[in-house]
Amino acid sequence: MRGRTPFAVLVVALLSAGLLGLLMLNTALNEGSFTLSRLKKQTTGATDQQQTLQQQIAEQSAPDALERRARELGMVAGGDPAFLNPDGTVTGIAKPAEDKPPVPRPSSAAPSDPAAAASPGASPGPGDPGIDLAPAPPASAAPPASAPPAASGQPSAGAQR
């Protein structure tokens, strides 16, 4: 019986050490899975934020949004541009930009003119929200209209470089 006691203690110690090792391994794996889950949530949040920002950029880069912001800044649409050729000649006649009010659109409220409501292009559709754009304020320091733009030595606003 004396010879079996050290063997039994050794077997119990080995089994206990094995169970503790498995417990520590399982704990480490669970900790890694929690970290992985947290990082996946962060990645999903960052991806959602990126898509939202890209959508905002696309909305603000749309032609109608650019036109609206340009009008808010007092800019007006340019006229026909003049181009400077490589040999130094000018193609086209540059004209100063004119501040023309936009084409009036009917409001989204009930129109007062029944004939205008019956016309096919009068009512705003899903792609046409019926927004009335106010004309831009006139530029305070407009260049004189008598001086041709090509003679001043500087390219006009519509000229491309």
C-alpha atoms as a PDB file:
ATOM      1  CA  MET A   1       0.000   0.000   0.000  1.00  0.00           C
ATOM      2  CA  ARG A   2       2.939   2.269   0.676  1.00  0.00           C
ATOM      3  CA  GLY A   3       4.182   1.953  -2.916  1.00  0.00           C
ATOM      4  CA  ARG A   4       0.852   2.921  -4.388  1.00  0.00           C
ATOM      5  CA  THR A   5       0.413   6.218  -2.493  1.00  0.00           C
ATOM      6  CA  PRO A   6       3.143   8.195  -4.346  1.00  0.00           C
ATOM      7  CA  PHE A   7       1.803   6.874  -7.671  1.00  0.00           C
ATOM      8  CA  ALA A   8      -1.766   7.927  -6.806  1.00  0.00           C
ATOM      9  CA  VAL A   9      -0.557  11.397  -5.758  1.00  0.00           C
ATOM     10  CA  LEU A  10       1.396  11.707  -9.021  1.00  0.00           C
ATOM     11  CA  VAL A  11      -1.644  10.715 -11.129  1.00  0.00           C
ATOM     12  CA  VAL A  12      -3.921  13.154  -9.234  1.00  0.00           C
ATOM     13  CA  ALA A  13      -1.313  15.936  -9.635  1.00  0.00           C
ATOM     14  CA  LEU A  14      -0.985  15.246 -13.384  1.00  0.00           C
ATOM     15  CA  LEU A  15      -4.762  15.211 -13.859  1.00  0.00           C
ATOM     16  CA  SER A  16      -5.106  18.466 -11.883  1.00  0.00           C
ATOM     17  CA  ALA A  17      -2.328  20.115 -13.909  1.00  0.00           C
ATOM     18  CA  GLY A  18      -3.986  18.957 -17.161  1.00  0.00           C
ATOM     19  CA  LEU A  19      -7.372  20.317 -16.120  1.00  0.00           C
ATOM     20  CA  LEU A  20      -5.841  23.642 -15.065  1.00  0.00           C
ATOM     21  CA  GLY A  21      -3.984  23.834 -18.398  1.00  0.00           C
ATOM     22  CA  LEU A  22      -7.206  23.191 -20.332  1.00  0.00           C
ATOM     23  CA  LEU A  23      -9.000  25.809 -18.241  1.00  0.00           C
ATOM     24  CA  MET A  24      -6.299  28.415 -18.978  1.00  0.00           C
ATOM     25  CA  LEU A  25      -6.301  27.519 -22.708  1.00  0.00           C
ATOM     26  CA  ASN A  26     -10.092  27.832 -22.869  1.00  0.00           C
ATOM     27  CA  THR A  27      -9.949  31.203 -21.064  1.00  0.00           C
ATOM     28  CA  ALA A  28      -7.318  32.507 -23.507  1.00  0.00           C
ATOM     29  CA  LEU A  29      -9.393  31.387 -26.501  1.00  0.00           C
ATOM     30  CA  ASN A  30     -12.526  33.047 -25.104  1.00  0.00           C
ATOM     31  CA  GLU A  31     -10.593  36.259 -24.471  1.00  0.00           C
ATOM     32  CA  GLY A  32      -9.421  36.193 -28.095  1.00  0.00           C
ATOM     33  CA  SER A  33     -12.980  35.679 -29.349  1.00  0.00           C
ATOM     34  CA  PHE A  34     -14.198  38.648 -27.281  1.00  0.00           C
ATOM     35  CA  THR A  35     -11.425  40.790 -28.737  1.00  0.00           C
ATOM     36  CA  LEU A  36     -12.315  39.581 -32.239  1.00  0.00           C
ATOM     37  CA  SER A  37     -15.991  40.393 -31.658  1.00  0.00           C
ATOM     38  CA  ARG A  38     -15.141  43.903 -30.420  1.00  0.00           C
ATOM     39  CA  LEU A  39     -12.878  44.536 -33.422  1.00  0.00           C
ATOM     40  CA  LYS A  40     -15.580  43.312 -35.826  1.00  0.00           C
ATOM     41  CA  LYS A  41     -18.042  45.780 -34.274  1.00  0.00           C
ATOM     42  CA  GLN A  42     -15.500  48.594 -34.657  1.00  0.00           C
ATOM     43  CA  THR A  43     -14.899  47.612 -38.284  1.00  0.00           C
ATOM     44  CA  THR A  44     -18.629  47.574 -38.992  1.00  0.00           C
ATOM     45  CA  GLY A  45     -19.030  51.011 -37.391  1.00  0.00           C
ATOM     46  CA  ALA A  46     -16.099  52.428 -39.355  1.00  0.00           C
ATOM     47  CA  THR A  47     -17.467  50.961 -42.600  1.00  0.00           C
ATOM     48  CA  ASP A  48     -20.888  52.490 -41.933  1.00  0.00           C
ATOM     49  CA  GLN A  49     -19.281  55.858 -41.215  1.00  0.00           C
ATOM     50  CA  GLN A  50     -17.223  55.648 -44.418  1.00  0.00           C
ATOM     51  CA  GLN A  51     -20.311  54.864 -46.497  1.00  0.00           C
ATOM     52  CA  THR A  52     -22.215  57.743 -44.878  1.00  0.00           C
ATOM     53  CA  LEU A  53     -19.371  60.153 -45.628  1.00  0.00           C
ATOM     54  CA  GLN A  54     -19.106  58.918 -49.220  1.00  0.00           C
ATOM     55  CA  GLN A  55     -22.854  59.425 -49.653  1.00  0.00           C
ATOM     56  CA  GLN A  56     -22.591  62.971 -48.274  1.00  0.00           C
ATOM     57  CA  ILE A  57     -19.732  63.717 -50.672  1.00  0.00           C
ATOM     58  CA  ALA A  58     -21.761  62.352 -53.585  1.00  0.00           C
ATOM     59  CA  GLU A  59     -24.784  64.466 -52.598  1.00  0.00           C
ATOM     60  CA  GLN A  60     -22.694  67.621 -52.247  1.00  0.00           C
ATOM     61  CA  SER A  61     -20.904  66.949 -55.543  1.00  0.00           C
ATOM     62  CA  ALA A  62     -24.129  66.645 -57.535  1.00  0.00           C
ATOM     63  CA  PRO A  63     -24.540  69.368 -60.175  1.00  0.00           C
ATOM     64  CA  ASP A  64     -27.690  70.831 -58.619  1.00  0.00           C
ATOM     65  CA  ALA A  65     -26.031  71.067 -55.184  1.00  0.00           C
ATOM     66  CA  LEU A  66     -22.937  72.705 -56.688  1.00  0.00           C
ATOM     67  CA  GLU A  67     -25.116  75.208 -58.558  1.00  0.00           C
ATOM     68  CA  ARG A  68     -27.100  76.022 -55.407  1.00  0.00           C
ATOM     69  CA  ARG A  69     -23.936  76.570 -53.352  1.00  0.00           C
ATOM     70  CA  ALA A  70     -22.367  78.670 -56.128  1.00  0.00           C
ATOM     71  CA  ARG A  71     -25.464  80.889 -56.262  1.00  0.00           C
ATOM     72  CA  GLU A  72     -25.367  81.232 -52.466  1.00  0.00           C
ATOM     73  CA  LEU A  73     -21.807  82.526 -52.840  1.00  0.00           C
ATOM     74  CA  GLY A  74     -22.936  85.071 -55.436  1.00  0.00           C
ATOM     75  CA  MET A  75     -21.551  83.275 -58.484  1.00  0.00           C
ATOM     76  CA  VAL A  76     -23.338  83.366 -61.818  1.00  0.00           C
ATOM     77  CA  ALA A  77     -23.168  80.992 -64.768  1.00  0.00           C
ATOM     78  CA  GLY A  78     -20.427  81.864 -67.237  1.00  0.00           C
ATOM     79  CA  GLY A  79     -21.121  82.684 -70.852  1.00  0.00           C
ATOM     80  CA  ASP A  80     -19.446  81.251 -73.906  1.00  0.00           C
ATOM     81  CA  PRO A  81     -15.748  80.735 -73.165  1.00  0.00           C
ATOM     82  CA  ALA A  82     -12.836  81.867 -75.273  1.00  0.00           C
ATOM     83  CA  PHE A  83      -9.914  79.497 -75.704  1.00  0.00           C
ATOM     84  CA  LEU A  84      -6.246  80.344 -76.020  1.00  0.00           C
ATOM     85  CA  ASN A  85      -4.556  78.165 -78.635  1.00  0.00           C
ATOM     86  CA  PRO A  86      -0.949  76.966 -78.269  1.00  0.00           C
ATOM     87  CA  ASP A  87       0.170  79.393 -80.992  1.00  0.00           C
ATOM     88  CA  GLY A  88      -1.240  82.355 -79.014  1.00  0.00           C
ATOM     89  CA  THR A  89      -4.397  82.965 -81.032  1.00  0.00           C
ATOM     90  CA  VAL A  90      -7.770  83.228 -79.350  1.00  0.00           C
ATOM     91  CA  THR A  91     -10.682  81.094 -80.491  1.00  0.00           C
ATOM     92  CA  GLY A  92     -14.147  82.410 -79.681  1.00  0.00           C
ATOM     93  CA  ILE A  93     -15.278  85.672 -78.162  1.00  0.00           C
ATOM     94  CA  ALA A  94     -15.381  85.873 -74.397  1.00  0.00           C
ATOM     95  CA  LYS A  95     -18.341  87.674 -72.908  1.00  0.00           C
ATOM     96  CA  PRO A  96     -18.814  88.660 -69.290  1.00  0.00           C
ATOM     97  CA  ALA A  97     -21.140  86.469 -67.272  1.00  0.00           C
ATOM     98  CA  GLU A  98     -24.664  87.813 -66.963  1.00  0.00           C
ATOM     99  CA  ASP A  99     -26.814  87.399 -63.908  1.00  0.00           C
ATOM    100  CA  LYS A 100     -30.025  85.986 -65.338  1.00  0.00           C
ATOM    101  CA  PRO A 101     -32.740  84.798 -62.978  1.00  0.00           C
ATOM    102  CA  PRO A 102     -33.482  81.103 -63.330  1.00  0.00           C
ATOM    103  CA  VAL A 103     -36.585  79.854 -65.082  1.00  0.00           C
ATOM    104  CA  PRO A 104     -39.426  80.131 -62.562  1.00  0.00           C
ATOM    105  CA  ARG A 105     -40.882  76.823 -61.482  1.00  0.00           C
ATOM    106  CA  PRO A 106     -44.319  76.338 -60.013  1.00  0.00           C
ATOM    107  CA  SER A 107     -44.385  75.905 -56.267  1.00  0.00           C
ATOM    108  CA  SER A 108     -45.367  72.596 -54.700  1.00  0.00           C
ATOM    109  CA  ALA A 109     -48.541  74.232 -53.307  1.00  0.00           C
ATOM    110  CA  ALA A 110     -51.788  74.189 -55.286  1.00  0.00           C
ATOM    111  CA  PRO A 111     -51.295  76.307 -58.410  1.00  0.00           C
ATOM    112  CA  SER A 112     -53.588  79.285 -58.887  1.00  0.00           C
ATOM    113  CA  ASP A 113     -53.665  78.833 -62.673  1.00  0.00           C
ATOM    114  CA  PRO A 114     -55.532  75.624 -63.637  1.00  0.00           C
ATOM    115  CA  ALA A 115     -54.081  75.774 -67.167  1.00  0.00           C
ATOM    116  CA  ALA A 116     -50.549  75.663 -65.755  1.00  0.00           C
ATOM    117  CA  ALA A 117     -51.450  72.650 -63.648  1.00  0.00           C
ATOM    118  CA  ALA A 118     -52.810  70.828 -66.689  1.00  0.00           C
ATOM    119  CA  SER A 119     -49.642  71.270 -68.731  1.00  0.00           C
ATOM    120  CA  PRO A 120     -47.439  68.157 -68.773  1.00  0.00           C
ATOM    121  CA  GLY A 121     -44.198  69.859 -67.699  1.00  0.00           C
ATOM    122  CA  ALA A 122     -45.686  72.169 -65.074  1.00  0.00           C
ATOM    123  CA  SER A 123     -46.035  69.879 -62.078  1.00  0.00           C
ATOM    124  CA  PRO A 124     -42.874  68.844 -60.288  1.00  0.00           C
ATOM    125  CA  GLY A 125     -42.124  65.162 -60.548  1.00  0.00           C
ATOM    126  CA  PRO A 126     -40.108  62.951 -58.220  1.00  0.00           C
ATOM    127  CA  GLY A 127     -36.825  64.094 -59.782  1.00  0.00           C
ATOM    128  CA  ASP A 128     -37.911  67.776 -59.806  1.00  0.00           C
ATOM    129  CA  PRO A 129     -38.615  69.041 -56.283  1.00  0.00           C
ATOM    130  CA  GLY A 130     -39.883  72.397 -57.563  1.00  0.00           C
ATOM    131  CA  ILE A 131     -37.247  74.502 -55.823  1.00  0.00           C
ATOM    132  CA  ASP A 132     -37.198  78.162 -56.810  1.00  0.00           C
ATOM    133  CA  LEU A 133     -33.640  79.453 -56.994  1.00  0.00           C
ATOM    134  CA  ALA A 134     -33.239  83.134 -56.226  1.00  0.00           C
ATOM    135  CA  PRO A 135     -30.959  85.042 -58.573  1.00  0.00           C
ATOM    136  CA  ALA A 136     -27.496  85.779 -57.259  1.00  0.00           C
ATOM    137  CA  PRO A 137     -26.769  89.328 -56.123  1.00  0.00           C
ATOM    138  CA  PRO A 138     -24.934  91.421 -58.707  1.00  0.00           C
ATOM    139  CA  ALA A 139     -21.175  91.517 -58.424  1.00  0.00           C
ATOM    140  CA  SER A 140     -19.990  94.774 -56.867  1.00  0.00           C
ATOM    141  CA  ALA A 141     -16.684  94.970 -58.734  1.00  0.00           C
ATOM    142  CA  ALA A 142     -17.638  93.928 -62.263  1.00  0.00           C
ATOM    143  CA  PRO A 143     -15.027  94.558 -64.990  1.00  0.00           C
ATOM    144  CA  PRO A 144     -15.966  97.216 -67.546  1.00  0.00           C
ATOM    145  CA  ALA A 145     -17.799  95.740 -70.520  1.00  0.00           C
ATOM    146  CA  SER A 146     -15.976  97.985 -73.029  1.00  0.00           C
ATOM    147  CA  ALA A 147     -12.545  96.372 -72.531  1.00  0.00           C
ATOM    148  CA  PRO A 148     -12.144  93.073 -74.420  1.00  0.00           C
ATOM    149  CA  PRO A 149     -10.951  90.263 -72.101  1.00  0.00           C
ATOM    150  CA  ALA A 150      -8.172  89.090 -74.437  1.00  0.00           C
ATOM    151  CA  ALA A 151      -6.642  92.599 -74.603  1.00  0.00           C
ATOM    152  CA  SER A 152      -6.156  92.846 -70.840  1.00  0.00           C
ATOM    153  CA  GLY A 153      -3.499  90.144 -70.828  1.00  0.00           C
ATOM    154  CA  GLN A 154      -5.356  88.071 -68.252  1.00  0.00           C
ATOM    155  CA  PRO A 155      -7.622  85.167 -69.142  1.00  0.00           C
ATOM    156  CA  SER A 156     -11.340  85.660 -68.668  1.00  0.00           C
ATOM    157  CA  ALA A 157     -13.327  83.725 -66.094  1.00  0.00           C
ATOM    158  CA  GLY A 158     -14.533  81.314 -68.778  1.00  0.00           C
ATOM    159  CA  ALA A 159     -11.120  80.739 -70.384  1.00  0.00           C
ATOM    160  CA  GLN A 160      -9.432  77.453 -69.730  1.00  0.00           C
ATOM    161  CA  ARG A 161      -5.753  77.077 -69.068  1.00  0.00           C
END
